[in-house]
Amino acid sequence: MLAQAHYNHKMTPIMPLQAVSQYLSSLRDRNLKFTMDPDENYQPFSRGFYVRRCDEGLFVDEVTSETRLQVGDKVLTINGQTPERIVSTLPNPLLASDIPEREQWTGYLKLANHMIVEHADGTQEDIVFQKYPLDLPKEPQFEKRENTVILKFSKFESCEDTEKFLQAHQKDIEQCKRLIIDLRKNIGGSEEGYLPLLGYIVKNDGFLKNIYGDRTIWTNYSETNCQRSIDNLQPYLEREDAAVKEYVQSAITYYEQMKSAGWIKGEQELFADAETCITKVGPEDVVILIDTWCENEAEQFVRIAKEQGRAKLIGRPTMGDIDYLNPVKVRYENYEFTYPISKTDSAKNGNGVNDKGIEPNQYIPFTKFEFEEDTFSK
């Protein structure tokens, strides 16, 4: 496609972005990213809604900006093809999963022009797609239902932000008999952001270094990876903060020494002091709601919770993108490619979570009935 467009002088800047993004999706690793700098001709965008598929069909499961749609609307066709036809004719890895409820349709919808949906009243509507600003994570949400407190996080911000949110509802949390931490569609954010929540999922008091679990990683110190890591660090030497400059210079020196060392076993750095004491707090009955779109730092929190064994995980397997870390960025004119140079010991031994996620203790399959009643609460 790209070669033909180049030959016919019809190449546009967005075509490499689309082609490479489609190829990366086939690798089923969301740590691999290819982006394009915004300019007057291109701005990252959202379709203003999200869909999910199950045995009954493809449905709108979230609406952010597209006011013509409602959660529960059934997608009949996209660009004239039924979702079932698309799945059967597309190279399936382009949807990033063989499991319907884990398919990722966002990229495909960005390439399409319109779709026909069936609303709840049986009427059909042809939705010509619009471009909306990227969707931003929502603020943490608090809800109380009798003796149950529900804390919903769409993204973990700073440790201070989480502490402030928890302090605002401290009395209700201390008095509740059941605590539910809702991490569905949590994109991650910062590991420091979940530090104040660790007390609610640990079985006993302990130090962060012990609670976090195995931090063994393997890093590929090729000459190219080391040089690219150095290139990524160089701009931080311009910072005024002396401590930052000292840390960055130390890291640059380390990568210089490690050039061409190959795969080396090491230990992942913690996001806080290893001796940080985590004190058990909250009710004994703790539930964490998870689904496919729980990823990155949120998925790390879920991993810790499952290893601790105190909280019950309910929902669907998480995204499965915490096997690889230490991302390196490579610039190609106005494009940027990001890839990780390290992997966990579990991933190295074939026991990682890539492409399958962290399994819940109680699995709730996605069905169309989820739009009619709160399946997770039941």
Protein backbone atom coordinates (compact mmCIF):
# COMPACT_ATOMS: atom_id res chain seq x y z
CA MET A 1 0.00 0.00 0.00
CA LEU A 2 2.70 2.47 1.00
CA ALA A 3 4.90 1.57 -1.97
CA GLN A 4 2.04 2.04 -4.41
CA ALA A 5 1.04 5.36 -2.85
CA HIS A 6 4.64 6.56 -3.01
CA TYR A 7 4.95 5.44 -6.64
CA ASN A 8 1.72 7.24 -7.58
CA HIS A 9 2.74 10.37 -5.64
CA LYS A 10 -0.29 9.97 -3.37
CA MET A 11 1.58 9.39 -0.12
CA THR A 12 0.18 11.38 2.81
CA PRO A 13 1.85 11.80 6.24
CA ILE A 14 -0.91 9.83 7.97
CA MET A 15 -0.52 6.73 5.79
CA PRO A 16 2.73 5.52 7.48
CA LEU A 17 1.05 6.10 10.86
CA GLN A 18 -1.89 3.91 9.87
CA ALA A 19 0.23 1.19 8.27
CA VAL A 20 2.71 0.86 11.13
CA SER A 21 -0.03 1.04 13.77
CA GLN A 22 -1.88 -1.82 12.06
CA TYR A 23 1.29 -3.89 11.93
CA LEU A 24 2.04 -3.27 15.61
CA SER A 25 -1.49 -4.27 16.62
CA SER A 26 -0.84 -7.66 15.04
CA LEU A 27 2.03 -8.19 17.51
CA ARG A 28 -0.41 -7.92 20.44
CA ASP A 29 1.89 -5.86 22.64
CA ARG A 30 0.53 -2.47 23.67
CA ASN A 31 4.01 -1.44 24.83
CA LEU A 32 4.85 -0.95 21.14
CA LYS A 33 3.64 2.47 20.03
CA PHE A 34 3.99 4.53 16.86
CA THR A 35 2.79 8.11 17.00
CA MET A 36 2.83 11.21 14.84
CA ASP A 37 3.41 14.79 15.95
CA PRO A 38 0.25 16.93 15.74
CA ASP A 39 0.23 19.73 13.16
CA GLU A 40 -2.29 21.77 11.18
CA ASN A 41 -3.13 18.72 9.06
CA TYR A 42 -3.28 16.10 11.79
CA GLN A 43 -4.59 16.01 15.35
CA PRO A 44 -5.02 12.81 17.42
CA PHE A 45 -8.72 12.17 17.76
CA SER A 46 -11.42 10.01 19.29
CA ARG A 47 -14.63 8.74 17.72
CA GLY A 48 -16.41 9.73 20.90
CA PHE A 49 -17.54 6.21 21.77
CA TYR A 50 -16.25 2.69 22.34
CA VAL A 51 -17.58 -0.73 21.40
CA ARG A 52 -17.26 -4.30 22.63
CA ARG A 53 -18.29 -7.61 21.07
CA CYS A 54 -19.92 -10.71 22.52
CA ASP A 55 -21.92 -13.66 21.21
CA GLU A 56 -24.97 -11.44 20.68
CA GLY A 57 -23.07 -8.92 18.53
CA LEU A 58 -21.06 -5.69 18.67
CA PHE A 59 -22.41 -3.04 21.05
CA VAL A 60 -21.63 0.50 22.10
CA ASP A 61 -20.40 0.11 25.68
CA GLU A 62 -19.28 3.68 26.40
CA VAL A 63 -20.17 7.09 25.00
CA THR A 64 -17.93 10.07 25.69
CA SER A 65 -18.70 12.72 23.04
CA GLU A 66 -20.90 11.19 20.31
CA THR A 67 -24.39 12.36 21.36
CA ARG A 68 -26.17 10.41 18.62
CA LEU A 69 -25.35 7.14 20.36
CA GLN A 70 -26.46 5.49 23.57
CA VAL A 71 -24.78 2.75 25.58
CA GLY A 72 -26.34 -0.53 24.42
CA ASP A 73 -26.83 0.48 20.77
CA LYS A 74 -26.08 -2.51 18.54
CA VAL A 75 -23.69 -2.03 15.63
CA LEU A 76 -25.20 -3.66 12.55
CA THR A 77 -22.60 -2.68 9.93
CA ILE A 78 -19.38 -0.68 9.65
CA ASN A 79 -18.73 0.70 6.17
CA GLY A 80 -21.38 -1.71 4.91
CA GLN A 81 -19.95 -4.87 6.52
CA THR A 82 -21.29 -6.68 9.55
CA PRO A 83 -18.92 -7.01 12.51
CA GLU A 84 -18.98 -10.79 12.06
CA ARG A 85 -17.93 -10.40 8.43
CA ILE A 86 -15.14 -8.01 9.42
CA VAL A 87 -13.80 -10.45 11.99
CA SER A 88 -13.88 -13.36 9.54
CA THR A 89 -12.15 -11.46 6.71
CA LEU A 90 -9.64 -9.33 8.63
CA PRO A 91 -6.35 -10.86 9.68
CA ASN A 92 -7.60 -11.44 13.22
CA PRO A 93 -4.50 -10.08 14.97
CA LEU A 94 -5.51 -6.61 13.73
CA LEU A 95 -8.18 -6.66 16.44
CA ALA A 96 -5.46 -7.77 18.89
CA SER A 97 -7.32 -10.82 20.24
CA ASP A 98 -9.07 -14.04 19.31
CA ILE A 99 -11.55 -13.52 22.14
CA PRO A 100 -14.55 -11.30 21.19
CA GLU A 101 -14.79 -9.36 24.46
CA ARG A 102 -11.04 -8.56 24.31
CA GLU A 103 -11.03 -7.32 20.71
CA GLN A 104 -9.79 -3.77 20.22
CA TRP A 105 -11.97 -1.97 17.68
CA THR A 106 -10.83 1.63 18.27
CA GLY A 107 -8.18 1.63 15.55
CA TYR A 108 -10.51 0.02 13.01
CA LEU A 109 -13.24 2.56 13.68
CA LYS A 110 -10.78 5.39 13.08
CA LEU A 111 -10.21 4.04 9.56
CA ALA A 112 -13.94 3.71 8.83
CA ASN A 113 -16.38 6.39 7.67
CA HIS A 114 -19.75 5.38 9.09
CA MET A 115 -21.79 2.66 10.74
CA ILE A 116 -25.43 1.68 11.06
CA VAL A 117 -26.70 1.08 14.56
CA GLU A 118 -29.92 -0.22 16.05
CA HIS A 119 -31.16 1.78 19.04
CA ALA A 120 -33.01 0.34 22.01
CA ASP A 121 -36.40 1.26 20.48
CA GLY A 122 -35.64 -0.78 17.35
CA THR A 123 -34.97 2.19 15.07
CA GLN A 124 -31.86 2.22 12.93
CA GLU A 125 -29.55 5.14 12.25
CA ASP A 126 -26.61 5.68 9.92
CA ILE A 127 -23.89 7.36 11.98
CA VAL A 128 -21.36 9.24 9.86
CA PHE A 129 -18.26 9.41 12.02
CA GLN A 130 -16.97 12.66 13.46
CA LYS A 131 -13.61 13.46 14.99
CA TYR A 132 -13.62 14.49 18.65
CA PRO A 133 -10.79 15.51 21.02
CA LEU A 134 -9.05 12.64 22.77
CA ASP A 135 -10.93 11.37 25.79
CA LEU A 136 -9.37 12.30 29.13
CA PRO A 137 -9.49 10.08 32.24
CA LYS A 138 -12.22 10.96 34.71
CA GLU A 139 -11.60 12.18 38.24
CA PRO A 140 -11.74 9.54 41.01
CA GLN A 141 -15.33 8.80 42.01
CA PHE A 142 -16.81 7.94 45.41
CA GLU A 143 -20.08 6.10 46.01
CA LYS A 144 -21.69 4.68 49.13
CA ARG A 145 -24.35 1.97 49.11
CA GLU A 146 -25.49 1.10 52.63
CA ASN A 147 -22.40 -0.58 54.20
CA THR A 148 -20.42 -0.66 50.95
CA VAL A 149 -18.02 2.01 49.71
CA ILE A 150 -17.04 2.10 46.02
CA LEU A 151 -13.89 3.90 44.87
CA LYS A 152 -13.50 4.21 41.11
CA PHE A 153 -10.19 5.21 39.52
CA SER A 154 -9.82 5.82 35.77
CA LYS A 155 -6.15 6.75 36.19
CA PHE A 156 -3.65 6.84 39.04
CA GLU A 157 -2.23 10.33 39.34
CA SER A 158 0.23 11.33 42.05
CA CYS A 159 0.47 9.87 45.55
CA GLU A 160 -0.68 13.22 46.92
CA ASP A 161 -3.78 13.26 44.68
CA THR A 162 -4.85 9.79 45.84
CA GLU A 163 -4.21 10.63 49.49
CA LYS A 164 -6.31 13.78 49.19
CA PHE A 165 -9.17 11.82 47.62
CA LEU A 166 -9.05 9.13 50.33
CA GLN A 167 -8.87 11.68 53.15
CA ALA A 168 -12.03 13.36 51.85
CA HIS A 169 -13.92 10.08 52.39
CA GLN A 170 -11.88 8.67 55.29
CA LYS A 171 -14.75 8.31 57.75
CA ASP A 172 -16.97 6.36 55.34
CA ILE A 173 -14.07 4.09 54.32
CA GLU A 174 -13.17 3.35 57.95
CA GLN A 175 -16.77 2.49 58.85
CA CYS A 176 -17.75 0.46 55.79
CA LYS A 177 -18.01 -3.35 55.89
CA ARG A 178 -17.11 -3.84 52.23
CA LEU A 179 -14.73 -1.81 50.08
CA ILE A 180 -14.91 -2.03 46.29
CA ILE A 181 -12.05 -0.59 44.22
CA ASP A 182 -13.24 -0.22 40.63
CA LEU A 183 -10.34 -0.32 38.16
CA ARG A 184 -12.30 -1.08 35.01
CA LYS A 185 -10.99 1.02 32.12
CA ASN A 186 -8.12 2.33 34.24
CA ILE A 187 -5.30 3.32 31.86
CA GLY A 188 -2.59 3.28 34.54
CA GLY A 189 -0.78 6.55 35.10
CA SER A 190 1.69 6.55 38.01
CA GLU A 191 2.65 3.74 40.37
CA GLU A 192 3.01 6.32 43.14
CA GLY A 193 -0.69 6.97 42.63
CA TYR A 194 -1.70 3.59 44.05
CA LEU A 195 0.73 3.66 46.98
CA PRO A 196 -1.95 4.96 49.43
CA LEU A 197 -4.25 2.10 48.35
CA LEU A 198 -1.85 -0.73 49.15
CA GLY A 199 -2.94 -0.79 52.80
CA TYR A 200 -6.40 -1.91 51.69
CA ILE A 201 -5.14 -5.00 49.86
CA VAL A 202 -2.25 -6.31 51.99
CA LYS A 203 -2.80 -9.28 54.26
CA ASN A 204 -0.36 -8.03 56.88
CA ASP A 205 1.82 -4.99 57.56
CA GLY A 206 5.08 -5.03 55.64
CA PHE A 207 7.69 -3.15 53.66
CA LEU A 208 7.05 -2.10 50.06
CA LYS A 209 10.03 -4.14 48.83
CA ASN A 210 8.39 -7.34 50.11
CA ILE A 211 4.82 -6.48 49.18
CA TYR A 212 5.64 -5.51 45.59
CA GLY A 213 6.80 -9.04 44.75
CA ASP A 214 9.43 -10.34 42.37
CA ARG A 215 11.26 -7.46 40.64
CA THR A 216 13.68 -9.56 38.61
CA ILE A 217 14.01 -8.26 35.05
CA TRP A 218 16.16 -8.95 32.01
CA THR A 219 17.43 -6.01 29.96
CA ASN A 220 18.85 -6.14 26.45
CA TYR A 221 21.90 -3.87 26.65
CA SER A 222 22.67 -3.83 22.95
CA GLU A 223 24.78 -0.94 21.69
CA THR A 224 21.74 0.47 19.87
CA ASN A 225 19.44 0.21 22.90
CA CYS A 226 22.02 1.84 25.16
CA GLN A 227 22.68 4.70 22.77
CA ARG A 228 18.98 5.34 22.30
CA SER A 229 18.49 5.33 26.07
CA ILE A 230 21.29 7.89 26.37
CA ASP A 231 19.70 10.02 23.65
CA ASN A 232 16.39 9.92 25.54
CA LEU A 233 18.12 11.04 28.75
CA GLN A 234 20.21 13.89 27.31
CA PRO A 235 17.46 16.57 27.37
CA TYR A 236 17.04 16.11 31.14
CA LEU A 237 20.58 17.39 31.70
CA GLU A 238 19.17 20.83 30.91
CA ARG A 239 16.98 20.74 34.02
CA GLU A 240 17.82 23.17 36.82
CA ASP A 241 17.23 20.59 39.56
CA ALA A 242 20.71 19.42 40.63
CA ALA A 243 19.42 16.09 41.96
CA VAL A 244 17.75 15.31 38.64
CA LYS A 245 20.89 16.21 36.68
CA GLU A 246 23.02 14.03 38.95
CA TYR A 247 20.67 11.05 38.55
CA VAL A 248 20.51 11.46 34.77
CA GLN A 249 24.28 11.75 34.44
CA SER A 250 24.68 8.59 36.51
CA ALA A 251 22.22 6.75 34.24
CA ILE A 252 24.02 7.94 31.10
CA THR A 253 27.36 6.74 32.48
CA TYR A 254 25.77 3.37 33.29
CA TYR A 255 24.41 2.92 29.75
CA GLU A 256 27.81 3.86 28.32
CA GLN A 257 29.40 1.10 30.38
CA MET A 258 26.74 -1.46 29.45
CA LYS A 259 26.91 -1.03 25.67
CA SER A 260 26.93 -4.40 23.87
CA ALA A 261 26.61 -6.35 27.14
CA GLY A 262 23.56 -8.20 25.79
CA TRP A 263 20.82 -9.63 28.02
CA ILE A 264 21.64 -8.95 31.67
CA LYS A 265 19.69 -9.97 34.76
CA GLY A 266 18.80 -7.12 37.09
CA GLU A 267 16.21 -5.73 39.47
CA GLN A 268 13.44 -3.29 38.66
CA GLU A 269 13.62 -0.01 40.57
CA LEU A 270 10.80 0.68 42.98
CA PHE A 271 8.72 3.83 42.63
CA ALA A 272 9.18 4.68 46.33
CA ASP A 273 11.57 3.93 49.19
CA ALA A 274 11.91 0.16 49.53
CA GLU A 275 11.57 0.49 53.33
CA THR A 276 8.21 2.29 53.05
CA CYS A 277 5.94 0.63 55.61
CA ILE A 278 2.55 -0.46 54.29
CA THR A 279 0.05 -0.75 57.14
CA LYS A 280 -3.04 -2.91 56.76
CA VAL A 281 -6.22 -0.79 56.91
CA GLY A 282 -9.87 -0.94 55.93
CA PRO A 283 -12.46 -3.73 56.08
CA GLU A 284 -11.53 -7.37 55.60
CA ASP A 285 -14.00 -7.65 52.71
CA VAL A 286 -12.27 -5.98 49.75
CA VAL A 287 -13.26 -6.41 46.10
CA ILE A 288 -11.43 -5.14 43.02
CA LEU A 289 -13.38 -4.84 39.78
CA ILE A 290 -11.26 -5.45 36.67
CA ASP A 291 -11.71 -5.85 32.93
CA THR A 292 -9.78 -5.91 29.66
CA TRP A 293 -9.01 -2.19 29.76
CA CYS A 294 -7.34 -2.29 33.18
CA GLU A 295 -3.70 -1.87 32.21
CA ASN A 296 -0.22 -0.56 32.97
CA GLU A 297 0.15 0.69 36.57
CA ALA A 298 -3.42 -0.35 37.41
CA GLU A 299 -2.56 -3.87 36.28
CA GLN A 300 0.52 -3.85 38.54
CA PHE A 301 -1.76 -2.99 41.46
CA VAL A 302 -4.04 -5.89 40.52
CA ARG A 303 -1.03 -8.23 40.33
CA ILE A 304 0.02 -7.25 43.84
CA ALA A 305 -3.54 -7.67 45.11
CA LYS A 306 -3.81 -11.16 43.64
CA GLU A 307 -0.46 -12.21 45.13
CA GLN A 308 -1.50 -10.86 48.54
CA GLY A 309 -4.76 -12.82 48.39
CA ARG A 310 -6.81 -10.52 50.60
CA ALA A 311 -8.93 -8.80 47.93
CA LYS A 312 -11.24 -10.70 45.61
CA LEU A 313 -10.85 -9.90 41.91
CA ILE A 314 -14.14 -9.82 40.03
CA GLY A 315 -14.67 -9.21 36.32
CA ARG A 316 -12.59 -10.07 33.28
CA PRO A 317 -8.85 -10.65 32.69
CA THR A 318 -6.81 -7.45 32.53
CA MET A 319 -5.01 -6.16 29.42
CA GLY A 320 -1.75 -8.03 29.98
CA ASP A 321 0.86 -5.38 29.21
CA ILE A 322 3.16 -5.45 32.28
CA ASP A 323 5.62 -8.07 31.04
CA TYR A 324 7.79 -5.49 29.31
CA LEU A 325 9.22 -2.24 30.63
CA ASN A 326 11.92 0.45 30.31
CA PRO A 327 10.62 2.04 27.09
CA VAL A 328 12.96 3.66 24.57
CA LYS A 329 11.78 6.29 22.09
CA VAL A 330 13.11 6.62 18.55
CA ARG A 331 12.44 9.68 16.38
CA TYR A 332 11.82 9.44 12.64
CA GLU A 333 11.28 13.04 11.51
CA ASN A 334 7.77 13.80 12.84
CA TYR A 335 7.10 10.19 13.92
CA GLU A 336 8.06 8.48 17.16
CA PHE A 337 8.40 4.75 17.83
CA THR A 338 8.41 3.44 21.41
CA TYR A 339 9.53 -0.04 22.42
CA PRO A 340 10.66 -1.69 25.71
CA ILE A 341 14.17 -3.04 26.28
CA SER A 342 13.44 -5.06 29.44
CA LYS A 343 11.15 -7.95 30.34
CA THR A 344 10.15 -9.57 33.60
CA ASP A 345 11.56 -12.87 34.73
CA SER A 346 8.08 -14.36 34.35
CA ALA A 347 7.95 -13.26 30.71
CA LYS A 348 11.41 -14.70 30.08
CA ASN A 349 10.30 -18.05 31.49
CA GLY A 350 7.07 -18.09 29.50
CA ASN A 351 4.84 -17.37 32.49
CA GLY A 352 3.97 -13.75 31.74
CA VAL A 353 0.57 -12.15 31.27
CA ASN A 354 1.03 -10.76 27.75
CA ASP A 355 -2.08 -11.26 25.56
CA LYS A 356 -4.00 -12.96 28.40
CA GLY A 357 -3.94 -10.63 31.40
CA ILE A 358 -4.41 -11.34 35.09
CA GLU A 359 -7.28 -13.71 35.74
CA PRO A 360 -10.03 -12.67 38.17
CA ASN A 361 -11.13 -14.87 41.04
CA GLN A 362 -14.68 -14.60 39.73
CA TYR A 363 -15.11 -14.25 35.98
CA ILE A 364 -18.06 -12.28 34.56
CA PRO A 365 -18.34 -12.65 30.77
CA PHE A 366 -19.42 -9.63 28.76
CA THR A 367 -22.99 -9.91 27.44
CA LYS A 368 -25.56 -7.44 26.16
CA PHE A 369 -27.41 -7.79 29.48
CA GLU A 370 -24.66 -5.74 31.10
CA PHE A 371 -26.37 -2.66 29.64
CA GLU A 372 -29.68 -3.55 31.28
CA GLU A 373 -28.46 -4.19 34.82
CA ASP A 374 -25.36 -3.66 36.93
CA THR A 375 -23.93 -7.17 36.48
CA PHE A 376 -20.83 -6.42 38.53
CA SER A 377 -22.76 -5.15 41.56
CA LYS A 378 -24.96 -8.26 41.57
